[in-house]
Amino acid sequence: MIIRFYKKRAVFFAISLIIILIGIVAMMINGIEMDIQFKGGTILQYTYTGTIDAERAEDAINAAVGKNTQCQLQTNMAKNEHMLVVNLAGNEAITSQEQEIITDTLDALYPDADMQISSSLTVEPFIGRRFFINGMIAVGLAFFLILLYVGYRFRNIGGFSAGFMAIVALIHDCLVVTATFILFKIPLNDSFIAAILTIIGFSINDTIVIYDRIRENRRIMPKANTEELVDTSITQSMSRSINTNAAVFMAITITFIFAQIYDIESISRFALPMMFGTVSGCYSTICIAGPLWTMWKNHREKGEKRKA
C-alpha cells in the first residue's frame, strides 16, 4: 500500500511550521542564552566535603561580586570527590581579586566544607565570539558539501534541486534542535554545535537512501509521474528510516537517563536536544524532503509545458 505523502504535504508543513513558531515564541519569552564558551567568562571548580547548597552559593557569590552566577554540584566517581562548579558568564573575565573574594565568600558560607579550588578557566569574549562564528562556518560548510555531493550523485533525477530540498529539510532539523535548547533553557555552547552537526549527518543519510530509491524506481517505473514515484519510494524506505532512527533514539535516551542519574550535565545537555533532533530528522526525511522535491519537479514540468 502506497502512502500518499504528497497529497498530505499541507498537514506535514503545518506541523513543522507550528513547531518552529513554538521555538520563536520560546525565544521571545526566554531569550537565547549563551554559555561561557560563546559569551566569555570564567569557570571555577572547587572540591569540598560534606553537603552544600548550590542555590545558596549562587546568591552569595552574586551578592559578593555582582556577576551573573550559576553553580552546579558534580561528583567525580573515579576520585570520589564532590565538586562545586561556579560559572560566571560576562563580557569580561574576573580578576584575581574577584576570585579571592569568591573563595573567601564560600569559605565563610561553608567553613566546614574544606573548599579547595581545583581548576580555573577563563574565556575572553572575543575568543567566545570567534568560537561561535567558527561553529557556524562549520555548519555552513557541511550544508555546502552536502549540496555538492547530492547534486552530483543524483544528477539524473534533478541533481541540485534534490540537494537544495535536502538542505531545506536539514535547516528544519537545525531549527528543531535550536528550539529544544531554548525551550529547556540550555545555554548554547559547544554541545549545540556538536548536536547540530550530528543531526545533519543522521538526517542526510536517511534522505540519501530515499533519493537512491527514487533513482532506482525511475528505471523500474518509467511511466510513473513524479508524485507516484516519490510516494512509492518513501513508502518502501519508511520502515528502514523509522527502525534506524528508533534505535538511535533509544541509545541516546539511555545516555540521557544515565547522565541524569550521575549528574553529568555536559552529556545531558547534548543528549536531550539529540533526542528531539533524531525524531525531527526522521520526520523531515519522510514528510518534508520528498514532498518539497515533488513540488519543485511539478513546478518545473508545468513551466516547460507552458513554454512548449
C-alpha atoms as a PDB file:
ATOM      1  CA  MET A   1       0.000   0.000   0.000  1.00  0.00           C
ATOM      2  CA  ILE A   2       1.407   3.342  -1.096  1.00  0.00           C
ATOM      3  CA  ILE A   3       1.074   6.229   1.384  1.00  0.00           C
ATOM      4  CA  ARG A   4       0.203   9.491  -0.343  1.00  0.00           C
ATOM      5  CA  PHE A   5       2.735  11.775   1.298  1.00  0.00           C
ATOM      6  CA  TYR A   6       2.482  14.431  -1.390  1.00  0.00           C
ATOM      7  CA  LYS A   7      -1.276  14.876  -1.021  1.00  0.00           C
ATOM      8  CA  LYS A   8      -0.861  15.273   2.747  1.00  0.00           C
ATOM      9  CA  ARG A   9       2.021  17.737   2.415  1.00  0.00           C
ATOM     10  CA  ALA A  10      -0.049  20.651   3.765  1.00  0.00           C
ATOM     11  CA  VAL A  11      -0.555  18.790   7.058  1.00  0.00           C
ATOM     12  CA  PHE A  12       3.153  17.961   7.329  1.00  0.00           C
ATOM     13  CA  PHE A  13       4.216  21.524   6.513  1.00  0.00           C
ATOM     14  CA  ALA A  14       1.709  22.889   9.058  1.00  0.00           C
ATOM     15  CA  ILE A  15       3.117  20.641  11.801  1.00  0.00           C
ATOM     16  CA  SER A  16       6.644  21.840  11.045  1.00  0.00           C
ATOM     17  CA  LEU A  17       5.508  25.466  10.999  1.00  0.00           C
ATOM     18  CA  ILE A  18       3.800  25.087  14.385  1.00  0.00           C
ATOM     19  CA  ILE A  19       6.962  23.571  15.907  1.00  0.00           C
ATOM     20  CA  ILE A  20       9.089  26.407  14.534  1.00  0.00           C
ATOM     21  CA  LEU A  21       6.594  29.010  15.820  1.00  0.00           C
ATOM     22  CA  ILE A  22       6.757  27.415  19.288  1.00  0.00           C
ATOM     23  CA  GLY A  23      10.513  27.850  19.164  1.00  0.00           C
ATOM     24  CA  ILE A  24      10.163  31.505  18.121  1.00  0.00           C
ATOM     25  CA  VAL A  25       7.701  32.208  20.943  1.00  0.00           C
ATOM     26  CA  ALA A  26      10.027  30.492  23.430  1.00  0.00           C
ATOM     27  CA  MET A  27      12.906  32.618  22.134  1.00  0.00           C
ATOM     28  CA  MET A  28      10.863  35.796  22.647  1.00  0.00           C
ATOM     29  CA  ILE A  29       9.973  34.717  26.199  1.00  0.00           C
ATOM     30  CA  ASN A  30      13.195  33.050  27.377  1.00  0.00           C
ATOM     31  CA  GLY A  31      15.689  34.679  25.032  1.00  0.00           C
ATOM     32  CA  ILE A  32      18.783  32.905  23.733  1.00  0.00           C
ATOM     33  CA  GLU A  33      21.295  32.219  26.485  1.00  0.00           C
ATOM     34  CA  MET A  34      24.936  31.864  25.503  1.00  0.00           C
ATOM     35  CA  ASP A  35      27.256  29.755  27.626  1.00  0.00           C
ATOM     36  CA  ILE A  36      30.756  30.823  28.588  1.00  0.00           C
ATOM     37  CA  GLN A  37      32.269  29.094  25.536  1.00  0.00           C
ATOM     38  CA  PHE A  38      30.449  31.574  23.270  1.00  0.00           C
ATOM     39  CA  LYS A  39      29.925  34.584  25.520  1.00  0.00           C
ATOM     40  CA  GLY A  40      33.083  34.655  27.581  1.00  0.00           C
ATOM     41  CA  GLY A  41      33.552  34.458  31.326  1.00  0.00           C
ATOM     42  CA  THR A  42      35.144  32.262  33.981  1.00  0.00           C
ATOM     43  CA  ILE A  43      34.618  28.738  35.310  1.00  0.00           C
ATOM     44  CA  LEU A  44      35.890  27.962  38.807  1.00  0.00           C
ATOM     45  CA  GLN A  45      35.885  24.433  40.157  1.00  0.00           C
ATOM     46  CA  TYR A  46      36.110  23.728  43.895  1.00  0.00           C
ATOM     47  CA  THR A  47      36.354  20.436  45.729  1.00  0.00           C
ATOM     48  CA  TYR A  48      34.521  20.176  49.040  1.00  0.00           C
ATOM     49  CA  THR A  49      33.452  17.766  51.752  1.00  0.00           C
ATOM     50  CA  GLY A  50      30.094  17.369  53.397  1.00  0.00           C
ATOM     51  CA  THR A  51      26.967  18.957  51.933  1.00  0.00           C
ATOM     52  CA  ILE A  52      26.420  22.399  50.395  1.00  0.00           C
ATOM     53  CA  ASP A  53      23.507  24.176  48.703  1.00  0.00           C
ATOM     54  CA  ALA A  54      24.247  25.311  45.122  1.00  0.00           C
ATOM     55  CA  GLU A  55      21.477  27.944  45.074  1.00  0.00           C
ATOM     56  CA  ARG A  56      22.652  29.472  48.335  1.00  0.00           C
ATOM     57  CA  ALA A  57      26.208  29.586  46.957  1.00  0.00           C
ATOM     58  CA  GLU A  58      24.919  31.300  43.789  1.00  0.00           C
ATOM     59  CA  ASP A  59      23.173  34.021  45.775  1.00  0.00           C
ATOM     60  CA  ALA A  60      26.222  34.636  47.984  1.00  0.00           C
ATOM     61  CA  ILE A  61      28.671  34.887  45.050  1.00  0.00           C
ATOM     62  CA  ASN A  62      26.301  37.095  43.070  1.00  0.00           C
ATOM     63  CA  ALA A  63      25.999  39.469  46.016  1.00  0.00           C
ATOM     64  CA  ALA A  64      29.773  39.478  46.586  1.00  0.00           C
ATOM     65  CA  VAL A  65      30.983  40.203  43.024  1.00  0.00           C
ATOM     66  CA  GLY A  66      27.809  41.403  41.294  1.00  0.00           C
ATOM     67  CA  LYS A  67      28.077  38.979  38.353  1.00  0.00           C
ATOM     68  CA  ASN A  68      25.598  36.547  36.840  1.00  0.00           C
ATOM     69  CA  THR A  69      26.484  33.280  38.568  1.00  0.00           C
ATOM     70  CA  GLN A  70      25.457  29.658  38.088  1.00  0.00           C
ATOM     71  CA  CYS A  71      26.596  26.933  40.475  1.00  0.00           C
ATOM     72  CA  GLN A  72      26.453  23.206  39.822  1.00  0.00           C
ATOM     73  CA  LEU A  73      27.245  20.241  42.034  1.00  0.00           C
ATOM     74  CA  GLN A  74      29.161  17.383  40.433  1.00  0.00           C
ATOM     75  CA  THR A  75      30.722  14.149  41.608  1.00  0.00           C
ATOM     76  CA  ASN A  76      33.955  12.622  40.358  1.00  0.00           C
ATOM     77  CA  MET A  77      33.279   8.938  40.946  1.00  0.00           C
ATOM     78  CA  ALA A  78      36.803   7.910  39.954  1.00  0.00           C
ATOM     79  CA  LYS A  79      38.387  10.062  42.685  1.00  0.00           C
ATOM     80  CA  ASN A  80      35.335  10.040  44.984  1.00  0.00           C
ATOM     81  CA  GLU A  81      35.333  13.835  45.061  1.00  0.00           C
ATOM     82  CA  HIS A  82      32.466  16.291  45.357  1.00  0.00           C
ATOM     83  CA  MET A  83      32.864  19.426  43.260  1.00  0.00           C
ATOM     84  CA  LEU A  84      31.197  22.823  43.088  1.00  0.00           C
ATOM     85  CA  VAL A  85      31.427  24.351  39.605  1.00  0.00           C
ATOM     86  CA  VAL A  86      30.951  28.139  39.544  1.00  0.00           C
ATOM     87  CA  ASN A  87      30.115  29.648  36.140  1.00  0.00           C
ATOM     88  CA  LEU A  88      30.442  33.428  35.831  1.00  0.00           C
ATOM     89  CA  ALA A  89      29.376  34.480  32.330  1.00  0.00           C
ATOM     90  CA  GLY A  90      30.034  38.030  31.232  1.00  0.00           C
ATOM     91  CA  ASN A  91      31.746  40.320  28.790  1.00  0.00           C
ATOM     92  CA  GLU A  92      34.845  40.422  30.989  1.00  0.00           C
ATOM     93  CA  ALA A  93      36.768  37.729  32.818  1.00  0.00           C
ATOM     94  CA  ILE A  94      37.009  38.039  36.584  1.00  0.00           C
ATOM     95  CA  THR A  95      40.151  39.454  38.147  1.00  0.00           C
ATOM     96  CA  SER A  96      42.388  37.656  40.637  1.00  0.00           C
ATOM     97  CA  GLN A  97      40.953  39.875  43.380  1.00  0.00           C
ATOM     98  CA  GLU A  98      37.397  38.823  42.486  1.00  0.00           C
ATOM     99  CA  GLN A  99      38.450  35.194  42.505  1.00  0.00           C
ATOM    100  CA  GLU A 100      39.814  35.646  46.032  1.00  0.00           C
ATOM    101  CA  ILE A 101      36.539  37.292  47.071  1.00  0.00           C
ATOM    102  CA  ILE A 102      34.592  34.302  45.718  1.00  0.00           C
ATOM    103  CA  THR A 103      36.835  31.867  47.578  1.00  0.00           C
ATOM    104  CA  ASP A 104      36.547  33.854  50.818  1.00  0.00           C
ATOM    105  CA  THR A 105      32.759  34.051  50.388  1.00  0.00           C
ATOM    106  CA  LEU A 106      32.457  30.283  50.007  1.00  0.00           C
ATOM    107  CA  ASP A 107      34.774  29.667  52.984  1.00  0.00           C
ATOM    108  CA  ALA A 108      32.677  31.985  55.124  1.00  0.00           C
ATOM    109  CA  LEU A 109      29.431  30.381  53.904  1.00  0.00           C
ATOM    110  CA  TYR A 110      30.631  26.798  54.427  1.00  0.00           C
ATOM    111  CA  PRO A 111      33.537  26.903  56.922  1.00  0.00           C
ATOM    112  CA  ASP A 112      33.480  23.117  57.492  1.00  0.00           C
ATOM    113  CA  ALA A 113      33.393  22.146  53.786  1.00  0.00           C
ATOM    114  CA  ASP A 114      37.172  22.475  53.254  1.00  0.00           C
ATOM    115  CA  MET A 115      36.684  24.319  49.937  1.00  0.00           C
ATOM    116  CA  GLN A 116      39.732  23.976  47.668  1.00  0.00           C
ATOM    117  CA  ILE A 117      39.949  25.436  44.178  1.00  0.00           C
ATOM    118  CA  SER A 118      40.989  22.692  41.743  1.00  0.00           C
ATOM    119  CA  SER A 119      40.794  24.499  38.385  1.00  0.00           C
ATOM    120  CA  SER A 120      40.127  27.897  36.878  1.00  0.00           C
ATOM    121  CA  LEU A 121      39.201  28.516  33.227  1.00  0.00           C
ATOM    122  CA  THR A 122      38.836  31.951  31.681  1.00  0.00           C
ATOM    123  CA  VAL A 123      37.388  32.594  28.217  1.00  0.00           C
ATOM    124  CA  GLU A 124      37.799  36.075  26.782  1.00  0.00           C
ATOM    125  CA  PRO A 125      34.736  37.475  24.955  1.00  0.00           C
ATOM    126  CA  PHE A 126      36.488  37.750  21.587  1.00  0.00           C
ATOM    127  CA  ILE A 127      37.560  34.091  21.833  1.00  0.00           C
ATOM    128  CA  GLY A 128      33.964  33.069  22.553  1.00  0.00           C
ATOM    129  CA  ARG A 129      32.656  35.038  19.566  1.00  0.00           C
ATOM    130  CA  ARG A 130      35.300  33.504  17.310  1.00  0.00           C
ATOM    131  CA  PHE A 131      34.423  30.019  18.559  1.00  0.00           C
ATOM    132  CA  PHE A 132      30.744  30.631  17.797  1.00  0.00           C
ATOM    133  CA  ILE A 133      31.480  32.038  14.327  1.00  0.00           C
ATOM    134  CA  ASN A 134      33.762  29.098  13.522  1.00  0.00           C
ATOM    135  CA  GLY A 135      30.991  26.718  14.606  1.00  0.00           C
ATOM    136  CA  MET A 136      28.506  28.410  12.280  1.00  0.00           C
ATOM    137  CA  ILE A 137      31.066  28.269   9.463  1.00  0.00           C
ATOM    138  CA  ALA A 138      31.396  24.515  10.059  1.00  0.00           C
ATOM    139  CA  VAL A 139      27.607  24.116   9.763  1.00  0.00           C
ATOM    140  CA  GLY A 140      27.522  26.221   6.584  1.00  0.00           C
ATOM    141  CA  LEU A 141      30.405  24.239   5.093  1.00  0.00           C
ATOM    142  CA  ALA A 142      28.571  20.983   5.878  1.00  0.00           C
ATOM    143  CA  PHE A 143      25.499  22.288   4.002  1.00  0.00           C
ATOM    144  CA  PHE A 144      27.625  23.309   1.021  1.00  0.00           C
ATOM    145  CA  LEU A 145      29.431  19.970   0.755  1.00  0.00           C
ATOM    146  CA  ILE A 146      26.153  18.068   1.100  1.00  0.00           C
ATOM    147  CA  LEU A 147      24.661  20.159  -1.698  1.00  0.00           C
ATOM    148  CA  LEU A 148      27.617  19.355  -3.971  1.00  0.00           C
ATOM    149  CA  TYR A 149      27.553  15.645  -3.122  1.00  0.00           C
ATOM    150  CA  VAL A 150      23.795  15.179  -3.584  1.00  0.00           C
ATOM    151  CA  GLY A 151      23.795  17.361  -6.701  1.00  0.00           C
ATOM    152  CA  TYR A 152      26.493  15.223  -8.345  1.00  0.00           C
ATOM    153  CA  ARG A 153      25.379  11.784  -7.166  1.00  0.00           C
ATOM    154  CA  PHE A 154      21.723  12.265  -8.113  1.00  0.00           C
ATOM    155  CA  ARG A 155      22.242  14.395 -11.198  1.00  0.00           C
ATOM    156  CA  ASN A 156      19.999  12.090 -13.257  1.00  0.00           C
ATOM    157  CA  ILE A 157      16.940  12.832 -11.076  1.00  0.00           C
ATOM    158  CA  GLY A 158      17.325  16.567 -10.623  1.00  0.00           C
ATOM    159  CA  GLY A 159      20.746  16.974  -9.078  1.00  0.00           C
ATOM    160  CA  PHE A 160      20.990  20.265  -7.275  1.00  0.00           C
ATOM    161  CA  SER A 161      17.216  20.622  -6.894  1.00  0.00           C
ATOM    162  CA  ALA A 162      17.252  17.387  -4.866  1.00  0.00           C
ATOM    163  CA  GLY A 163      20.236  18.694  -2.896  1.00  0.00           C
ATOM    164  CA  PHE A 164      18.556  22.015  -2.194  1.00  0.00           C
ATOM    165  CA  MET A 165      15.394  20.351  -0.858  1.00  0.00           C
ATOM    166  CA  ALA A 166      17.566  18.128   1.336  1.00  0.00           C
ATOM    167  CA  ILE A 167      19.205  21.279   2.726  1.00  0.00           C
ATOM    168  CA  VAL A 168      15.762  22.764   3.482  1.00  0.00           C
ATOM    169  CA  ALA A 169      14.904  19.609   5.459  1.00  0.00           C
ATOM    170  CA  LEU A 170      18.229  19.862   7.316  1.00  0.00           C
ATOM    171  CA  ILE A 171      17.556  23.505   8.201  1.00  0.00           C
ATOM    172  CA  HIS A 172      14.209  22.322   9.611  1.00  0.00           C
ATOM    173  CA  ASP A 173      16.081  19.845  11.849  1.00  0.00           C
ATOM    174  CA  CYS A 174      18.565  22.508  12.972  1.00  0.00           C
ATOM    175  CA  LEU A 175      15.676  24.800  13.955  1.00  0.00           C
ATOM    176  CA  VAL A 176      14.108  21.978  15.998  1.00  0.00           C
ATOM    177  CA  VAL A 177      17.395  21.373  17.842  1.00  0.00           C
ATOM    178  CA  THR A 178      17.760  25.120  18.485  1.00  0.00           C
ATOM    179  CA  ALA A 179      14.175  25.296  19.753  1.00  0.00           C
ATOM    180  CA  THR A 180      14.953  22.457  22.170  1.00  0.00           C
ATOM    181  CA  PHE A 181      17.887  24.394  23.630  1.00  0.00           C
ATOM    182  CA  ILE A 182      15.657  27.466  24.033  1.00  0.00           C
ATOM    183  CA  LEU A 183      12.608  25.641  25.446  1.00  0.00           C
ATOM    184  CA  PHE A 184      14.635  23.821  28.109  1.00  0.00           C
ATOM    185  CA  LYS A 185      16.767  26.915  28.798  1.00  0.00           C
ATOM    186  CA  ILE A 186      20.009  25.157  27.892  1.00  0.00           C
ATOM    187  CA  PRO A 187      22.769  27.694  27.208  1.00  0.00           C
ATOM    188  CA  LEU A 188      24.235  27.476  23.721  1.00  0.00           C
ATOM    189  CA  ASN A 189      27.744  26.031  23.933  1.00  0.00           C
ATOM    190  CA  ASP A 190      29.964  23.539  22.140  1.00  0.00           C
ATOM    191  CA  SER A 191      27.288  20.864  22.676  1.00  0.00           C
ATOM    192  CA  PHE A 192      24.978  22.939  20.473  1.00  0.00           C
ATOM    193  CA  ILE A 193      27.400  22.827  17.524  1.00  0.00           C
ATOM    194  CA  ALA A 194      28.061  19.124  18.114  1.00  0.00           C
ATOM    195  CA  ALA A 195      24.320  18.317  18.207  1.00  0.00           C
ATOM    196  CA  ILE A 196      23.644  20.316  15.026  1.00  0.00           C
ATOM    197  CA  LEU A 197      26.435  18.623  13.062  1.00  0.00           C
ATOM    198  CA  THR A 198      25.464  15.160  14.331  1.00  0.00           C
ATOM    199  CA  ILE A 199      21.810  15.601  13.386  1.00  0.00           C
ATOM    200  CA  ILE A 200      22.826  16.868   9.947  1.00  0.00           C
ATOM    201  CA  GLY A 201      24.792  13.651   9.414  1.00  0.00           C
ATOM    202  CA  PHE A 202      21.956  11.375  10.586  1.00  0.00           C
ATOM    203  CA  SER A 203      19.240  13.198   8.657  1.00  0.00           C
ATOM    204  CA  ILE A 204      21.041  13.500   5.308  1.00  0.00           C
ATOM    205  CA  ASN A 205      21.863   9.779   5.443  1.00  0.00           C
ATOM    206  CA  ASP A 206      18.147   8.907   5.505  1.00  0.00           C
ATOM    207  CA  THR A 207      17.375  11.436   2.774  1.00  0.00           C
ATOM    208  CA  ILE A 208      20.060   9.960   0.520  1.00  0.00           C
ATOM    209  CA  VAL A 209      18.544   6.490   0.995  1.00  0.00           C
ATOM    210  CA  ILE A 210      15.175   7.802  -0.245  1.00  0.00           C
ATOM    211  CA  TYR A 211      16.769   9.635  -3.179  1.00  0.00           C
ATOM    212  CA  ASP A 212      18.596   6.438  -4.091  1.00  0.00           C
ATOM    213  CA  ARG A 213      15.309   4.517  -4.079  1.00  0.00           C
ATOM    214  CA  ILE A 214      13.747   7.228  -6.268  1.00  0.00           C
ATOM    215  CA  ARG A 215      16.587   6.810  -8.757  1.00  0.00           C
ATOM    216  CA  GLU A 216      16.115   3.035  -8.835  1.00  0.00           C
ATOM    217  CA  ASN A 217      12.328   3.250  -9.176  1.00  0.00           C
ATOM    218  CA  ARG A 218      12.678   5.703 -12.030  1.00  0.00           C
ATOM    219  CA  ARG A 219      14.211   2.899 -14.095  1.00  0.00           C
ATOM    220  CA  ILE A 220      11.646   0.361 -12.881  1.00  0.00           C
ATOM    221  CA  MET A 221       8.633   2.711 -13.282  1.00  0.00           C
ATOM    222  CA  PRO A 222       9.448   4.804 -16.370  1.00  0.00           C
ATOM    223  CA  LYS A 223       5.819   5.820 -16.954  1.00  0.00           C
ATOM    224  CA  ALA A 224       5.094   6.903 -13.359  1.00  0.00           C
ATOM    225  CA  ASN A 225       4.720  10.618 -12.656  1.00  0.00           C
ATOM    226  CA  THR A 226       6.853  12.361 -10.042  1.00  0.00           C
ATOM    227  CA  GLU A 227       4.206  12.179  -7.305  1.00  0.00           C
ATOM    228  CA  GLU A 228       3.684   8.438  -7.674  1.00  0.00           C
ATOM    229  CA  LEU A 229       7.426   7.834  -7.958  1.00  0.00           C
ATOM    230  CA  VAL A 230       8.271   9.753  -4.784  1.00  0.00           C
ATOM    231  CA  ASP A 231       5.366   8.346  -2.732  1.00  0.00           C
ATOM    232  CA  THR A 232       6.328   4.795  -3.709  1.00  0.00           C
ATOM    233  CA  SER A 233       9.988   5.349  -2.867  1.00  0.00           C
ATOM    234  CA  ILE A 234       9.252   6.917   0.523  1.00  0.00           C
ATOM    235  CA  THR A 235       6.819   4.127   1.417  1.00  0.00           C
ATOM    236  CA  GLN A 236       9.396   1.480   0.522  1.00  0.00           C
ATOM    237  CA  SER A 237      12.121   3.210   2.567  1.00  0.00           C
ATOM    238  CA  MET A 238       9.981   4.341   5.522  1.00  0.00           C
ATOM    239  CA  SER A 239      10.351   1.235   7.682  1.00  0.00           C
ATOM    240  CA  ARG A 240      14.123   1.364   7.279  1.00  0.00           C
ATOM    241  CA  SER A 241      14.246   5.049   8.299  1.00  0.00           C
ATOM    242  CA  ILE A 242      11.939   4.539  11.292  1.00  0.00           C
ATOM    243  CA  ASN A 243      13.803   1.473  12.568  1.00  0.00           C
ATOM    244  CA  THR A 244      17.208   3.145  12.225  1.00  0.00           C
ATOM    245  CA  ASN A 245      16.133   6.330  13.978  1.00  0.00           C
ATOM    246  CA  ALA A 246      14.278   4.384  16.677  1.00  0.00           C
ATOM    247  CA  ALA A 247      17.484   2.512  17.507  1.00  0.00           C
ATOM    248  CA  VAL A 248      19.431   5.784  17.641  1.00  0.00           C
ATOM    249  CA  PHE A 249      16.717   7.406  19.761  1.00  0.00           C
ATOM    250  CA  MET A 250      16.757   4.572  22.310  1.00  0.00           C
ATOM    251  CA  ALA A 251      20.546   4.711  22.570  1.00  0.00           C
ATOM    252  CA  ILE A 252      20.504   8.481  23.129  1.00  0.00           C
ATOM    253  CA  THR A 253      17.655   8.162  25.641  1.00  0.00           C
ATOM    254  CA  ILE A 254      19.650   5.642  27.678  1.00  0.00           C
ATOM    255  CA  THR A 255      22.620   8.024  27.553  1.00  0.00           C
ATOM    256  CA  PHE A 256      20.419  10.881  28.765  1.00  0.00           C
ATOM    257  CA  ILE A 257      18.997   8.818  31.639  1.00  0.00           C
ATOM    258  CA  PHE A 258      22.497   7.740  32.650  1.00  0.00           C
ATOM    259  CA  ALA A 259      23.681  11.374  32.577  1.00  0.00           C
ATOM    260  CA  GLN A 260      20.721  12.471  34.714  1.00  0.00           C
ATOM    261  CA  ILE A 261      21.305   9.756  37.301  1.00  0.00           C
ATOM    262  CA  TYR A 262      25.000  10.560  37.670  1.00  0.00           C
ATOM    263  CA  ASP A 263      24.524  14.317  37.214  1.00  0.00           C
ATOM    264  CA  ILE A 264      26.754  14.590  34.126  1.00  0.00           C
ATOM    265  CA  GLU A 265      25.363  17.842  32.812  1.00  0.00           C
ATOM    266  CA  SER A 266      27.596  18.140  29.751  1.00  0.00           C
ATOM    267  CA  ILE A 267      26.257  14.833  28.398  1.00  0.00           C
ATOM    268  CA  SER A 268      22.619  15.501  29.283  1.00  0.00           C
ATOM    269  CA  ARG A 269      22.768  18.904  27.557  1.00  0.00           C
ATOM    270  CA  PHE A 270      23.921  17.133  24.413  1.00  0.00           C
ATOM    271  CA  ALA A 271      21.646  14.076  24.619  1.00  0.00           C
ATOM    272  CA  LEU A 272      18.327  15.890  25.196  1.00  0.00           C
ATOM    273  CA  PRO A 273      18.479  18.027  22.001  1.00  0.00           C
ATOM    274  CA  MET A 274      19.752  14.966  20.128  1.00  0.00           C
ATOM    275  CA  MET A 275      16.613  13.059  21.125  1.00  0.00           C
ATOM    276  CA  PHE A 276      14.385  15.732  19.597  1.00  0.00           C
ATOM    277  CA  GLY A 277      16.715  16.145  16.626  1.00  0.00           C
ATOM    278  CA  THR A 278      16.625  12.417  15.846  1.00  0.00           C
ATOM    279  CA  VAL A 279      12.816  12.439  15.731  1.00  0.00           C
ATOM    280  CA  SER A 280      12.882  15.594  13.616  1.00  0.00           C
ATOM    281  CA  GLY A 281      15.426  14.078  11.231  1.00  0.00           C
ATOM    282  CA  CYS A 282      13.237  11.031  10.646  1.00  0.00           C
ATOM    283  CA  TYR A 283      10.162  13.227  10.175  1.00  0.00           C
ATOM    284  CA  SER A 284      11.792  15.698   7.783  1.00  0.00           C
ATOM    285  CA  THR A 285      13.283  12.893   5.675  1.00  0.00           C
ATOM    286  CA  ILE A 286       9.911  11.199   5.197  1.00  0.00           C
ATOM    287  CA  CYS A 287       7.476  14.107   5.244  1.00  0.00           C
ATOM    288  CA  ILE A 288       9.418  17.197   4.130  1.00  0.00           C
ATOM    289  CA  ALA A 289      12.251  16.490   1.678  1.00  0.00           C
ATOM    290  CA  GLY A 290      10.321  14.213  -0.719  1.00  0.00           C
ATOM    291  CA  PRO A 291       7.131  16.326  -0.987  1.00  0.00           C
ATOM    292  CA  LEU A 292       9.206  19.505  -1.406  1.00  0.00           C
ATOM    293  CA  TRP A 293      11.201  17.934  -4.234  1.00  0.00           C
ATOM    294  CA  THR A 294       7.949  16.745  -5.860  1.00  0.00           C
ATOM    295  CA  MET A 295       6.553  20.285  -5.706  1.00  0.00           C
ATOM    296  CA  TRP A 296       9.699  21.603  -7.367  1.00  0.00           C
ATOM    297  CA  LYS A 297       9.602  18.990 -10.139  1.00  0.00           C
ATOM    298  CA  ASN A 298       5.893  19.620 -10.810  1.00  0.00           C
ATOM    299  CA  HIS A 299       6.547  23.355 -10.960  1.00  0.00           C
ATOM    300  CA  ARG A 300       9.355  22.879 -13.485  1.00  0.00           C
ATOM    301  CA  GLU A 301       7.287  20.482 -15.601  1.00  0.00           C
ATOM    302  CA  LYS A 302       4.397  22.974 -15.740  1.00  0.00           C
ATOM    303  CA  GLY A 303       6.802  25.727 -16.720  1.00  0.00           C
ATOM    304  CA  GLU A 304       8.253  23.609 -19.533  1.00  0.00           C
ATOM    305  CA  LYS A 305       4.755  22.778 -20.801  1.00  0.00           C
ATOM    306  CA  ARG A 306       3.811  26.467 -20.878  1.00  0.00           C
ATOM    307  CA  LYS A 307       6.960  27.298 -22.841  1.00  0.00           C
ATOM    308  CA  ALA A 308       6.245  24.449 -25.290  1.00  0.00           C
END
